[in-house]
Amino acid sequence: MSVYDNVAAMIGNTPMVKLGRLFENAGFEVYAKLEMHNPGGSVKDRPAKAMLQAAFEEGRIKPGSVIVESSSGNLAVGLAQLCNTMGFKFICVVDPKTTEANLRVLRAYGARIDLVQKPDPETGEFVPARLARVRRWLKRLPDAFWPNQYGNKNNALSHQQTTMTEIAADLPGLDYLFCGVSTCGTIRGCVDYIRSNGLRTKVIAVDAEGSIIFGGEKGKVTRMLPGLGAGIKPGLCPDEGIHEVVRVNDRDCIAGCRRLVRMESILAGGSSGGVISAVEKYSPFIEPGSTCAVLLPDRGERYLNTVYDDTWVSRLFGDSFAAGLHKHGGAIKE
C-alpha cells in the first residue's frame, strides 16, 4: 500500500535488512529492523499512536486536549506529529541530553518545550526530575493527559501487536533478538509476544552502563547520549523472558554507529550503535548458524552534531578515540 489517509496510518511495517558486510565473518546472520522508516523517524511512533488512540477511544482526551509527557526526544517527536494530526496541544518535558535537532523538530510541530536543567538530586538522573516536572504540569492543568510511557500498558502492547509481530513474520526461525531498553515498552512487548506464542527466540536486553534498570549503583556512570538506560526501574520492565543483559557505554554507541554507516550505509541513532556493539560483545555466545535480529530505534540525522561529529567526540572522549573510529570500521573477525 502506498496511499494513506494520514500520517498515523503510515506507522509500522518497517523494513528489515540483512547486515551482510558488518557480520560477514561472524558465523551467524544478523538482520536489522529499521525503525527510522516510521514517519516520525523512530520506533516511538508506535507507542505514541497506541497511547493516544486508546485515550481517545476511552474518552479521556478529545480535540483541543493538552498532552503532557516526559521524553528525551523520540517519543516526543512521535507525540508531536500525532497531536497535530489528532488536534491536541502538546507540552514536552525534556532535559539537556535531548539533541538540538530533536528540539528543532518539536518546535516545527508546534510543541511547547519545557527544559529541565538539573537532574534529580538524589539519583543524579534526569528521568525522575522530568517526571516531577510532569506532575507539576498536571496539578496546574488538571484536565491534561499524561500518557506515562513508563507505565502505560499500551506502550508495550503496541510492540506486542506490531513490532514483534512483524519481526516474527519476517524471521520465523529467529534465535536471538537484541533490543535496547529505556522505558522497557519495546522489550516488554516483544517478550510478551514471544512467550504467548511459544517462540524459542532468546531476548538480549541492551542496557547502558550506569543504568539501574537491571540493578547497579545510581550515578556511577555519566551518560551523554539518550535512548538507552534509565535512573529508575520502569514499571514495564519484564520480570521474566530476558535471556541476558549486555551493557554498553557511549563509546560503544558511537563506534557501533560509525561501523554501521561505513559497512552497511545505515545512518542510525546513538542507541542503534549500542545495539550493534552489544551483538559484537555477545558474539562468542551465539551458536554458529543462528539467526539474529537487532532493533535499530531511530535515524542518525539528528545525531550529526554528536555521534557523527569528530570535534564533539574528541572533546568528550579524547583525540585518540576519535582517531580510532576511522581505523576500525570492519566486521567481527572469526
Protein backbone atom coordinates (compact mmCIF):
# COMPACT_ATOMS: atom_id res chain seq x y z
CA MET A 1 0.00 0.00 0.00
CA SER A 2 1.35 3.44 -0.91
CA VAL A 3 -1.66 5.72 -0.28
CA TYR A 4 -2.63 6.53 3.31
CA ASP A 5 -5.39 8.57 4.89
CA ASN A 6 -2.98 10.36 7.24
CA VAL A 7 0.47 10.18 8.81
CA ALA A 8 -0.72 7.94 11.64
CA ALA A 9 -1.66 5.24 9.14
CA MET A 10 1.95 5.12 7.92
CA ILE A 11 3.31 3.95 11.27
CA GLY A 12 4.67 0.40 11.37
CA ASN A 13 5.51 -2.25 8.77
CA THR A 14 9.12 -1.08 8.70
CA PRO A 15 11.64 -2.99 6.58
CA MET A 16 14.30 -5.47 7.68
CA VAL A 17 17.70 -5.67 6.04
CA LYS A 18 20.50 -8.22 6.36
CA LEU A 19 23.74 -6.82 7.78
CA GLY A 20 25.78 -8.89 5.37
CA ARG A 21 29.00 -6.88 5.44
CA LEU A 22 29.23 -5.91 9.09
CA PHE A 23 28.79 -9.51 10.27
CA GLU A 24 30.16 -11.26 7.20
CA ASN A 25 32.57 -13.50 9.14
CA ALA A 26 30.59 -13.85 12.34
CA GLY A 27 29.26 -17.36 11.78
CA PHE A 28 25.67 -16.20 12.23
CA GLU A 29 23.28 -13.93 10.36
CA VAL A 30 22.06 -10.56 11.62
CA TYR A 31 19.02 -8.69 10.32
CA ALA A 32 18.16 -5.12 11.27
CA LYS A 33 14.64 -3.81 11.85
CA LEU A 34 14.83 -0.24 10.52
CA GLU A 35 12.51 1.75 12.74
CA MET A 36 13.80 5.02 11.32
CA HIS A 37 11.37 4.38 8.45
CA ASN A 38 8.42 5.35 10.65
CA PRO A 39 7.17 8.84 9.69
CA GLY A 40 8.47 10.41 12.89
CA GLY A 41 11.81 8.70 12.42
CA SER A 42 11.75 6.22 15.29
CA VAL A 43 10.23 3.19 16.97
CA LYS A 44 8.49 5.53 19.41
CA ASP A 45 5.88 6.39 16.78
CA ARG A 46 4.26 3.05 17.60
CA PRO A 47 3.54 3.63 21.32
CA ALA A 48 2.73 7.29 20.69
CA LYS A 49 -0.06 6.19 18.36
CA ALA A 50 -1.27 3.39 20.63
CA MET A 51 -1.38 5.51 23.79
CA LEU A 52 -3.19 8.44 22.18
CA GLN A 53 -5.66 6.24 20.32
CA ALA A 54 -6.55 4.32 23.47
CA ALA A 55 -7.02 7.52 25.48
CA PHE A 56 -9.22 8.98 22.73
CA GLU A 57 -11.37 5.85 22.47
CA GLU A 58 -11.77 5.80 26.27
CA GLY A 59 -12.96 9.41 26.24
CA ARG A 60 -10.01 10.66 28.27
CA ILE A 61 -8.98 13.14 25.57
CA LYS A 62 -10.72 14.98 22.75
CA PRO A 63 -9.73 17.57 20.14
CA GLY A 64 -8.22 20.52 21.96
CA SER A 65 -6.95 18.46 24.91
CA VAL A 66 -3.47 19.09 26.32
CA ILE A 67 -0.97 16.20 26.31
CA VAL A 68 1.99 16.35 28.71
CA GLU A 69 4.84 13.87 28.53
CA SER A 70 8.45 13.40 29.59
CA SER A 71 10.77 12.33 26.76
CA SER A 72 14.43 12.57 25.78
CA GLY A 73 13.38 13.05 22.20
CA ASN A 74 11.92 10.27 20.06
CA LEU A 75 8.61 9.73 21.82
CA ALA A 76 8.27 13.49 21.95
CA VAL A 77 8.56 13.69 18.17
CA GLY A 78 6.07 10.85 17.74
CA LEU A 79 3.57 12.52 20.05
CA ALA A 80 4.10 15.93 18.49
CA GLN A 81 3.30 14.75 14.97
CA LEU A 82 0.21 12.83 16.14
CA CYS A 83 -1.04 15.69 18.32
CA ASN A 84 -1.06 17.81 15.16
CA THR A 85 -2.92 15.09 13.26
CA MET A 86 -5.46 14.47 16.03
CA GLY A 87 -5.94 18.09 17.11
CA PHE A 88 -4.26 18.08 20.54
CA LYS A 89 -1.87 20.53 22.19
CA PHE A 90 1.46 19.10 23.38
CA ILE A 91 3.80 20.05 26.22
CA CYS A 92 7.05 18.10 26.20
CA VAL A 93 9.35 17.92 29.22
CA VAL A 94 12.93 17.35 28.06
CA ASP A 95 16.44 17.51 29.53
CA PRO A 96 19.88 18.68 28.27
CA LYS A 97 20.56 15.27 26.68
CA THR A 98 17.86 15.93 24.10
CA THR A 99 19.54 16.66 20.79
CA GLU A 100 19.22 20.13 19.30
CA ALA A 101 17.93 18.50 16.14
CA ASN A 102 15.04 16.91 18.04
CA LEU A 103 14.25 20.21 19.72
CA ARG A 104 14.06 21.88 16.33
CA VAL A 105 11.71 19.19 15.06
CA LEU A 106 9.48 19.64 18.11
CA ARG A 107 9.35 23.39 17.59
CA ALA A 108 8.45 22.85 13.93
CA TYR A 109 5.48 20.72 15.02
CA GLY A 110 4.41 23.48 17.40
CA ALA A 111 5.11 21.66 20.65
CA ARG A 112 5.75 23.62 23.81
CA ILE A 113 9.14 22.60 25.24
CA ASP A 114 9.84 22.60 28.98
CA LEU A 115 13.54 22.03 29.62
CA VAL A 116 14.57 20.53 32.98
CA GLN A 117 18.04 21.94 33.62
CA LYS A 118 19.14 19.93 36.66
CA PRO A 119 18.96 16.20 37.43
CA ASP A 120 17.21 14.71 40.42
CA PRO A 121 19.44 15.48 43.46
CA GLU A 122 19.03 12.01 44.97
CA THR A 123 19.74 9.89 41.90
CA GLY A 124 21.73 12.26 39.70
CA GLU A 125 19.39 11.23 36.86
CA PHE A 126 17.16 13.39 34.69
CA VAL A 127 14.22 11.00 34.35
CA PRO A 128 12.98 11.44 37.95
CA ALA A 129 13.40 15.21 37.58
CA ARG A 130 11.42 15.21 34.32
CA LEU A 131 8.64 13.14 35.87
CA ALA A 132 8.44 15.54 38.79
CA ARG A 133 8.01 18.39 36.31
CA VAL A 134 5.24 16.49 34.53
CA ARG A 135 3.37 16.14 37.82
CA ARG A 136 3.66 19.89 38.35
CA TRP A 137 2.04 20.45 34.96
CA LEU A 138 -0.77 18.06 35.84
CA LYS A 139 -1.50 20.00 39.02
CA ARG A 140 -1.52 23.21 37.03
CA LEU A 141 -3.63 21.72 34.21
CA PRO A 142 -5.90 19.12 35.87
CA ASP A 143 -7.61 18.23 32.57
CA ALA A 144 -4.31 17.49 30.82
CA PHE A 145 -3.47 13.90 29.87
CA TRP A 146 -0.18 12.20 30.73
CA PRO A 147 0.47 9.14 28.51
CA ASN A 148 3.14 7.97 31.00
CA GLN A 149 5.31 5.92 28.67
CA TYR A 150 7.00 4.27 31.67
CA GLY A 151 3.82 2.65 32.93
CA ASN A 152 1.22 2.71 30.14
CA LYS A 153 0.33 -0.83 29.10
CA ASN A 154 -0.39 0.41 25.58
CA ASN A 155 3.30 1.23 25.20
CA ALA A 156 4.21 -2.45 25.49
CA LEU A 157 1.04 -3.59 23.73
CA SER A 158 1.93 -1.60 20.63
CA HIS A 159 5.15 -3.60 20.27
CA GLN A 160 3.47 -6.90 21.05
CA GLN A 161 0.83 -6.29 18.39
CA THR A 162 3.02 -4.67 15.73
CA THR A 163 6.81 -4.63 16.18
CA MET A 164 7.38 -8.23 17.26
CA THR A 165 4.53 -9.48 15.11
CA GLU A 166 6.30 -8.05 12.07
CA ILE A 167 9.71 -9.43 13.11
CA ALA A 168 8.30 -12.91 13.69
CA ALA A 169 6.59 -12.88 10.28
CA ASP A 170 9.80 -11.84 8.51
CA LEU A 171 12.08 -14.19 10.50
CA PRO A 172 10.00 -17.18 11.68
CA GLY A 173 13.09 -19.08 12.85
CA LEU A 174 14.58 -16.24 14.88
CA ASP A 175 17.10 -17.36 17.51
CA TYR A 176 18.14 -14.05 19.11
CA LEU A 177 16.58 -10.60 19.40
CA PHE A 178 18.79 -7.71 20.56
CA CYS A 179 16.70 -4.85 21.93
CA GLY A 180 17.74 -1.65 23.69
CA VAL A 181 15.99 -0.71 26.93
CA SER A 182 14.91 2.58 28.46
CA THR A 183 11.19 2.77 29.21
CA CYS A 184 11.14 -1.01 28.56
CA GLY A 185 7.98 -0.76 26.50
CA THR A 186 9.61 -2.22 23.40
CA ILE A 187 11.29 -5.15 25.10
CA ARG A 188 8.22 -5.89 27.23
CA GLY A 189 6.02 -6.07 24.16
CA CYS A 190 8.49 -8.29 22.33
CA VAL A 191 8.89 -10.61 25.32
CA ASP A 192 5.11 -10.86 25.74
CA TYR A 193 4.68 -11.83 22.09
CA ILE A 194 7.47 -14.42 22.24
CA ARG A 195 6.13 -16.02 25.41
CA SER A 196 2.49 -16.02 24.34
CA ASN A 197 3.37 -17.65 21.01
CA GLY A 198 5.81 -20.17 22.46
CA LEU A 199 8.74 -19.00 20.34
CA ARG A 200 12.30 -20.13 21.01
CA THR A 201 13.73 -16.65 20.47
CA LYS A 202 16.19 -15.54 23.16
CA VAL A 203 15.87 -11.86 24.05
CA ILE A 204 19.08 -9.95 24.77
CA ALA A 205 18.49 -6.65 26.57
CA VAL A 206 20.93 -3.89 25.68
CA ASP A 207 21.27 -1.50 28.61
CA ALA A 208 23.55 1.45 29.29
CA GLU A 209 26.38 1.33 31.79
CA GLY A 210 25.22 3.35 34.77
CA SER A 211 21.56 2.44 34.26
CA ILE A 212 19.73 0.83 37.19
CA ILE A 213 17.03 -0.95 35.19
CA PHE A 214 18.60 -4.34 35.88
CA GLY A 215 20.46 -3.35 39.06
CA GLY A 216 23.58 -1.31 39.65
CA GLU A 217 24.53 1.77 41.58
CA LYS A 218 22.91 5.11 40.82
CA GLY A 219 25.04 7.83 39.31
CA LYS A 220 28.15 5.67 38.80
CA VAL A 221 28.46 6.46 35.08
CA THR A 222 27.63 9.70 33.30
CA ARG A 223 25.76 9.09 30.04
CA MET A 224 25.80 11.75 27.33
CA LEU A 225 23.68 10.00 24.72
CA PRO A 226 19.92 9.47 25.06
CA GLY A 227 17.99 6.35 24.22
CA LEU A 228 19.42 3.66 26.49
CA GLY A 229 19.18 3.15 30.24
CA ALA A 230 17.23 4.86 33.00
CA GLY A 231 17.69 6.12 36.53
CA ILE A 232 14.57 4.26 37.63
CA LYS A 233 13.27 0.75 37.07
CA PRO A 234 10.28 1.24 34.77
CA GLY A 235 7.04 -0.48 35.65
CA LEU A 236 7.07 -2.12 32.21
CA CYS A 237 10.39 -3.89 32.82
CA PRO A 238 9.81 -7.65 32.33
CA ASP A 239 10.42 -9.86 35.35
CA GLU A 240 10.86 -12.89 33.10
CA GLY A 241 11.70 -13.64 29.49
CA ILE A 242 15.06 -11.88 29.15
CA HIS A 243 17.90 -14.30 28.41
CA GLU A 244 20.82 -11.94 29.03
CA VAL A 245 21.68 -8.28 29.63
CA VAL A 246 24.56 -6.67 27.73
CA ARG A 247 25.72 -3.25 28.89
CA VAL A 248 27.25 -0.65 26.62
CA ASN A 249 28.66 2.84 27.11
CA ASP A 250 28.71 5.98 25.00
CA ARG A 251 31.93 4.92 23.27
CA ASP A 252 30.31 1.64 22.25
CA CYS A 253 27.32 3.51 20.84
CA ILE A 254 29.48 5.89 18.82
CA ALA A 255 31.75 3.14 17.49
CA GLY A 256 28.77 0.94 16.59
CA CYS A 257 27.11 3.79 14.70
CA ARG A 258 30.28 4.55 12.77
CA ARG A 259 30.77 0.89 11.80
CA LEU A 260 27.12 0.56 10.81
CA VAL A 261 27.15 3.52 8.46
CA ARG A 262 30.56 2.66 7.00
CA MET A 263 29.85 -1.01 6.39
CA GLU A 264 26.10 -1.02 5.69
CA SER A 265 25.32 2.61 4.75
CA ILE A 266 22.72 2.77 7.54
CA LEU A 267 22.83 6.15 9.27
CA ALA A 268 21.28 5.36 12.63
CA GLY A 269 20.93 7.00 16.05
CA GLY A 270 23.13 6.53 19.09
CA SER A 271 21.25 3.67 20.72
CA SER A 272 21.38 1.73 17.45
CA GLY A 273 25.15 1.79 17.67
CA GLY A 274 24.87 0.44 21.20
CA VAL A 275 22.79 -2.48 19.95
CA ILE A 276 25.35 -3.25 17.22
CA SER A 277 28.15 -3.20 19.78
CA ALA A 278 26.12 -5.49 22.04
CA VAL A 279 25.93 -8.11 19.27
CA GLU A 280 29.70 -7.89 18.88
CA LYS A 281 30.23 -8.24 22.63
CA TYR A 282 27.87 -11.19 22.88
CA SER A 283 29.04 -12.90 19.68
CA PRO A 284 31.15 -15.59 21.45
CA PHE A 285 27.95 -16.97 22.99
CA ILE A 286 25.90 -17.08 19.77
CA GLU A 287 25.73 -20.54 18.25
CA PRO A 288 27.05 -20.85 14.68
CA GLY A 289 24.26 -20.74 12.12
CA SER A 290 21.96 -18.70 14.35
CA THR A 291 19.62 -16.03 13.04
CA CYS A 292 19.67 -12.75 14.97
CA ALA A 293 17.63 -9.59 14.75
CA VAL A 294 18.58 -6.16 16.02
CA LEU A 295 16.05 -3.41 16.53
CA LEU A 296 17.51 -0.08 15.38
CA PRO A 297 15.31 2.55 17.06
CA ASP A 298 15.92 5.75 15.11
CA ARG A 299 17.67 7.63 12.32
CA GLY A 300 21.05 9.30 12.58
CA GLU A 301 20.48 12.72 11.05
CA ARG A 302 19.58 14.08 14.48
CA TYR A 303 22.98 12.94 15.78
CA LEU A 304 25.17 14.61 13.17
CA ASN A 305 26.34 17.18 15.73
CA THR A 306 27.25 14.50 18.29
CA VAL A 307 27.80 10.85 17.35
CA TYR A 308 28.99 11.65 13.82
CA ASP A 309 30.92 14.83 14.68
CA ASP A 310 34.64 14.22 15.21
CA THR A 311 35.09 17.50 17.07
CA TRP A 312 32.34 16.64 19.57
CA VAL A 313 33.69 13.12 20.01
CA SER A 314 37.26 14.37 20.54
CA ARG A 315 36.15 16.96 23.07
CA LEU A 316 34.25 14.46 25.19
CA PHE A 317 36.15 11.22 24.68
CA GLY A 318 39.64 12.22 23.56
CA ASP A 319 41.52 12.58 20.29
CA SER A 320 42.83 9.01 20.32
CA PHE A 321 39.32 7.55 20.49
CA ALA A 322 38.12 9.83 17.68
CA ALA A 323 41.10 8.90 15.53
CA GLY A 324 40.49 5.21 16.18
CA LEU A 325 36.98 5.46 14.77
CA HIS A 326 38.50 5.97 11.33
CA LYS A 327 40.75 2.93 11.61
CA HIS A 328 38.17 0.38 12.77
CA GLY A 329 35.08 0.02 10.66
CA GLY A 330 35.11 -3.65 9.78
CA ALA A 331 33.14 -6.71 10.69
CA ILE A 332 33.57 -9.14 13.55
CA LYS A 333 36.63 -11.29 12.97
CA GLU A 334 36.48 -15.05 13.05
